[in-house]
Each structure stands twice: as structure tokens, then as C-alpha cells.
Amino acid sequence: MPGTDRDVFVAVQKNGDGDLTAFKTSSGRILSYEEALKEVQAGSIAGVNAFKGRDGETYLRGDADGDPTNNLDALPIFE
């Protein structure tokens, strides 16, 4: 993102159920879901926010900007 030095997520890994399990950042770091959640909550990742689901767990989602192409589920898969 212009004007920010925060990382953004550029790719994801998913499990067999299609759930997100890991993230690759714009600086090349690989973060587990738990690590990514901590970094988002600390404000070090741009374009993503954490929210509490109905089940009481905390989840990640892309900021609502009306652009479905940058949703976390739409990011490329990395190995």
C-alpha cells in the first residue's frame, strides 16, 4: 500500500477444507494463522482486520473495500 511500511498478505495456504492456514507477506515472511492474527492485532499488517466470530474465536478478514479480488480467499496459493 502506498505511504505505509506495513506488510500486506500476498498469498495464502489452505487446508483440505479450504480454511486459511498460513500467509505470505509482501516482505517474503511466512506466517502461521496464529502468527498472522497476532501481527494483524498489533497493527503490523495492512489491509486486514481481526474480528470475533459467533463461536467466540477470533478470525482474520480483508478490510471491506468493495474489491473482491483482494479478499484473503482470492489471494494466490503458495507452496
N, C-alpha and C. Protein backbone atom coordinates (compact mmCIF):
# COMPACT_ATOMS: atom_id res chain seq x y z
N MET A 1 0.85 -1.19 0.00
CA MET A 1 0.00 0.00 0.00
C MET A 1 0.89 1.24 0.00
N PRO A 2 0.56 2.19 -0.81
CA PRO A 2 1.37 3.41 -0.86
C PRO A 2 1.34 4.14 0.48
N GLY A 3 2.47 4.67 0.85
CA GLY A 3 2.54 5.50 2.05
C GLY A 3 2.57 4.72 3.36
N THR A 4 2.77 3.43 3.29
CA THR A 4 2.85 2.65 4.52
C THR A 4 4.03 1.69 4.42
N ASP A 5 4.63 1.41 5.57
CA ASP A 5 5.73 0.44 5.56
C ASP A 5 5.26 -0.89 6.13
N ARG A 6 3.96 -1.02 6.34
CA ARG A 6 3.43 -2.27 6.86
C ARG A 6 3.36 -3.32 5.75
N ASP A 7 3.56 -4.57 6.14
CA ASP A 7 3.40 -5.68 5.21
C ASP A 7 1.94 -5.82 4.79
N VAL A 8 1.73 -6.47 3.67
CA VAL A 8 0.40 -6.92 3.26
C VAL A 8 0.51 -8.39 2.92
N PHE A 9 -0.59 -9.11 2.98
CA PHE A 9 -0.59 -10.51 2.59
C PHE A 9 -0.67 -10.59 1.07
N VAL A 10 0.20 -11.42 0.48
CA VAL A 10 0.23 -11.55 -0.98
C VAL A 10 -0.15 -12.95 -1.45
N ALA A 11 -0.15 -13.93 -0.53
CA ALA A 11 -0.51 -15.30 -0.89
C ALA A 11 -0.90 -16.05 0.38
N VAL A 12 -1.60 -17.17 0.20
CA VAL A 12 -2.10 -17.93 1.34
C VAL A 12 -1.87 -19.43 1.13
N GLN A 13 -1.95 -20.18 2.22
CA GLN A 13 -2.03 -21.63 2.16
C GLN A 13 -3.37 -22.02 2.76
N LYS A 14 -3.96 -23.11 2.24
CA LYS A 14 -5.24 -23.59 2.75
C LYS A 14 -5.13 -25.08 3.07
N ASN A 15 -5.97 -25.52 4.00
CA ASN A 15 -6.02 -26.95 4.31
C ASN A 15 -7.02 -27.63 3.37
N GLY A 16 -7.24 -28.91 3.57
CA GLY A 16 -8.14 -29.68 2.70
C GLY A 16 -9.57 -29.19 2.72
N ASP A 17 -9.97 -28.49 3.78
CA ASP A 17 -11.32 -27.95 3.87
C ASP A 17 -11.44 -26.56 3.26
N GLY A 18 -10.30 -26.02 2.76
CA GLY A 18 -10.32 -24.67 2.20
C GLY A 18 -10.12 -23.57 3.22
N ASP A 19 -9.82 -23.94 4.47
CA ASP A 19 -9.57 -22.94 5.50
C ASP A 19 -8.16 -22.39 5.34
N LEU A 20 -8.00 -21.09 5.57
CA LEU A 20 -6.69 -20.47 5.50
C LEU A 20 -5.84 -20.96 6.67
N THR A 21 -4.59 -21.35 6.38
CA THR A 21 -3.71 -21.87 7.44
C THR A 21 -2.41 -21.11 7.57
N ALA A 22 -1.99 -20.40 6.51
CA ALA A 22 -0.73 -19.65 6.56
C ALA A 22 -0.79 -18.52 5.53
N PHE A 23 0.07 -17.53 5.74
CA PHE A 23 0.08 -16.34 4.89
C PHE A 23 1.50 -15.98 4.50
N LYS A 24 1.67 -15.51 3.27
CA LYS A 24 2.96 -14.97 2.82
C LYS A 24 2.79 -13.45 2.75
N THR A 25 3.78 -12.72 3.29
CA THR A 25 3.69 -11.26 3.30
C THR A 25 4.48 -10.66 2.14
N SER A 26 4.25 -9.38 1.92
CA SER A 26 4.93 -8.67 0.84
C SER A 26 6.44 -8.60 1.06
N SER A 27 6.91 -8.82 2.29
CA SER A 27 8.35 -8.84 2.54
C SER A 27 8.91 -10.26 2.48
N GLY A 28 8.04 -11.25 2.14
CA GLY A 28 8.50 -12.61 1.96
C GLY A 28 8.42 -13.50 3.19
N ARG A 29 7.92 -12.96 4.30
CA ARG A 29 7.78 -13.79 5.50
C ARG A 29 6.61 -14.74 5.36
N ILE A 30 6.72 -15.91 5.98
CA ILE A 30 5.64 -16.89 6.03
C ILE A 30 5.13 -16.91 7.47
N LEU A 31 3.84 -16.68 7.66
CA LEU A 31 3.25 -16.65 8.99
C LEU A 31 2.17 -17.70 9.12
N SER A 32 2.17 -18.42 10.22
CA SER A 32 1.05 -19.32 10.51
C SER A 32 -0.18 -18.45 10.76
N TYR A 33 -1.35 -19.07 10.78
CA TYR A 33 -2.58 -18.31 11.04
C TYR A 33 -2.46 -17.58 12.38
N GLU A 34 -1.95 -18.27 13.40
CA GLU A 34 -1.84 -17.68 14.74
C GLU A 34 -0.87 -16.50 14.74
N GLU A 35 0.27 -16.66 14.06
CA GLU A 35 1.24 -15.56 13.98
C GLU A 35 0.64 -14.38 13.23
N ALA A 36 -0.06 -14.67 12.13
CA ALA A 36 -0.68 -13.61 11.34
C ALA A 36 -1.71 -12.86 12.17
N LEU A 37 -2.50 -13.58 12.94
CA LEU A 37 -3.52 -12.96 13.78
C LEU A 37 -2.88 -11.99 14.77
N LYS A 38 -1.78 -12.42 15.41
CA LYS A 38 -1.09 -11.55 16.37
C LYS A 38 -0.55 -10.30 15.69
N GLU A 39 0.01 -10.45 14.48
CA GLU A 39 0.57 -9.31 13.77
C GLU A 39 -0.52 -8.34 13.32
N VAL A 40 -1.64 -8.87 12.86
CA VAL A 40 -2.76 -8.01 12.47
C VAL A 40 -3.27 -7.24 13.68
N GLN A 41 -3.43 -7.92 14.80
CA GLN A 41 -3.91 -7.26 16.02
C GLN A 41 -2.92 -6.21 16.52
N ALA A 42 -1.62 -6.42 16.24
CA ALA A 42 -0.60 -5.45 16.64
C ALA A 42 -0.49 -4.29 15.65
N GLY A 43 -1.19 -4.40 14.51
CA GLY A 43 -1.17 -3.31 13.54
C GLY A 43 -0.02 -3.38 12.55
N SER A 44 0.70 -4.53 12.48
CA SER A 44 1.83 -4.59 11.55
C SER A 44 1.48 -5.05 10.15
N ILE A 45 0.23 -5.47 9.92
CA ILE A 45 -0.20 -5.92 8.59
C ILE A 45 -1.31 -4.98 8.11
N ALA A 46 -1.18 -4.48 6.90
CA ALA A 46 -2.17 -3.56 6.35
C ALA A 46 -3.22 -4.32 5.56
N GLY A 47 -4.43 -3.77 5.49
CA GLY A 47 -5.48 -4.30 4.63
C GLY A 47 -6.25 -5.47 5.20
N VAL A 48 -6.01 -5.80 6.47
CA VAL A 48 -6.66 -6.95 7.10
C VAL A 48 -7.07 -6.55 8.51
N ASN A 49 -8.18 -7.13 8.99
CA ASN A 49 -8.58 -6.88 10.37
C ASN A 49 -8.99 -8.18 11.03
N ALA A 50 -9.00 -8.16 12.35
CA ALA A 50 -9.40 -9.32 13.14
C ALA A 50 -10.80 -9.06 13.68
N PHE A 51 -11.63 -10.10 13.69
CA PHE A 51 -12.97 -9.95 14.24
C PHE A 51 -13.33 -11.21 15.02
N LYS A 52 -14.23 -11.06 15.98
CA LYS A 52 -14.66 -12.19 16.80
C LYS A 52 -15.90 -12.80 16.16
N GLY A 53 -15.82 -14.10 15.87
CA GLY A 53 -16.93 -14.82 15.26
C GLY A 53 -18.00 -15.17 16.28
N ARG A 54 -19.12 -15.67 15.79
CA ARG A 54 -20.21 -16.07 16.68
C ARG A 54 -19.80 -17.16 17.65
N ASP A 55 -18.78 -17.94 17.26
CA ASP A 55 -18.30 -19.01 18.13
C ASP A 55 -17.32 -18.52 19.19
N GLY A 56 -17.06 -17.20 19.21
CA GLY A 56 -16.16 -16.63 20.20
C GLY A 56 -14.69 -16.63 19.79
N GLU A 57 -14.37 -17.31 18.68
CA GLU A 57 -12.99 -17.33 18.19
C GLU A 57 -12.71 -16.05 17.39
N THR A 58 -11.43 -15.69 17.27
CA THR A 58 -11.03 -14.52 16.51
C THR A 58 -10.52 -14.96 15.15
N TYR A 59 -10.96 -14.27 14.10
CA TYR A 59 -10.63 -14.62 12.73
C TYR A 59 -10.08 -13.41 11.98
N LEU A 60 -9.42 -13.69 10.87
CA LEU A 60 -8.90 -12.63 10.00
C LEU A 60 -9.81 -12.46 8.79
N ARG A 61 -9.92 -11.22 8.32
CA ARG A 61 -10.60 -10.96 7.06
C ARG A 61 -10.01 -9.70 6.46
N GLY A 62 -10.10 -9.61 5.14
CA GLY A 62 -9.64 -8.41 4.46
C GLY A 62 -10.54 -7.25 4.79
N ASP A 63 -9.98 -6.04 4.78
CA ASP A 63 -10.78 -4.85 5.02
C ASP A 63 -11.86 -4.75 3.95
N ALA A 64 -13.05 -4.34 4.35
CA ALA A 64 -14.17 -4.20 3.42
C ALA A 64 -13.94 -2.96 2.56
N ASP A 65 -13.51 -3.19 1.32
CA ASP A 65 -13.25 -2.06 0.43
C ASP A 65 -14.02 -2.20 -0.87
N GLY A 66 -14.91 -3.18 -0.95
CA GLY A 66 -15.72 -3.36 -2.15
C GLY A 66 -15.00 -4.05 -3.29
N ASP A 67 -13.75 -4.46 -3.07
CA ASP A 67 -12.97 -5.11 -4.13
C ASP A 67 -12.77 -6.58 -3.78
N PRO A 68 -13.56 -7.49 -4.38
CA PRO A 68 -13.45 -8.90 -4.01
C PRO A 68 -12.13 -9.54 -4.41
N THR A 69 -11.36 -8.92 -5.30
CA THR A 69 -10.11 -9.53 -5.76
C THR A 69 -9.04 -9.52 -4.68
N ASN A 70 -9.16 -8.67 -3.66
CA ASN A 70 -8.14 -8.66 -2.61
C ASN A 70 -8.65 -9.32 -1.32
N ASN A 71 -9.75 -10.04 -1.40
CA ASN A 71 -10.19 -10.83 -0.25
C ASN A 71 -9.14 -11.91 0.02
N LEU A 72 -8.98 -12.29 1.26
CA LEU A 72 -7.96 -13.28 1.62
C LEU A 72 -8.16 -14.57 0.84
N ASP A 73 -9.42 -15.01 0.67
CA ASP A 73 -9.69 -16.24 -0.07
C ASP A 73 -9.30 -16.15 -1.54
N ALA A 74 -9.22 -14.93 -2.07
CA ALA A 74 -8.91 -14.75 -3.51
C ALA A 74 -7.43 -14.62 -3.78
N LEU A 75 -6.60 -14.57 -2.73
CA LEU A 75 -5.16 -14.44 -2.93
C LEU A 75 -4.59 -15.74 -3.52
N PRO A 76 -3.48 -15.63 -4.25
CA PRO A 76 -2.87 -16.84 -4.82
C PRO A 76 -2.42 -17.80 -3.71
N ILE A 77 -2.34 -19.08 -4.07
CA ILE A 77 -1.86 -20.11 -3.16
C ILE A 77 -0.33 -20.22 -3.30
N PHE A 78 0.36 -20.36 -2.17
CA PHE A 78 1.80 -20.62 -2.24
C PHE A 78 2.09 -21.97 -1.63
N GLU A 79 3.21 -22.56 -2.03
CA GLU A 79 3.61 -23.89 -1.53
C GLU A 79 4.46 -23.76 -0.31
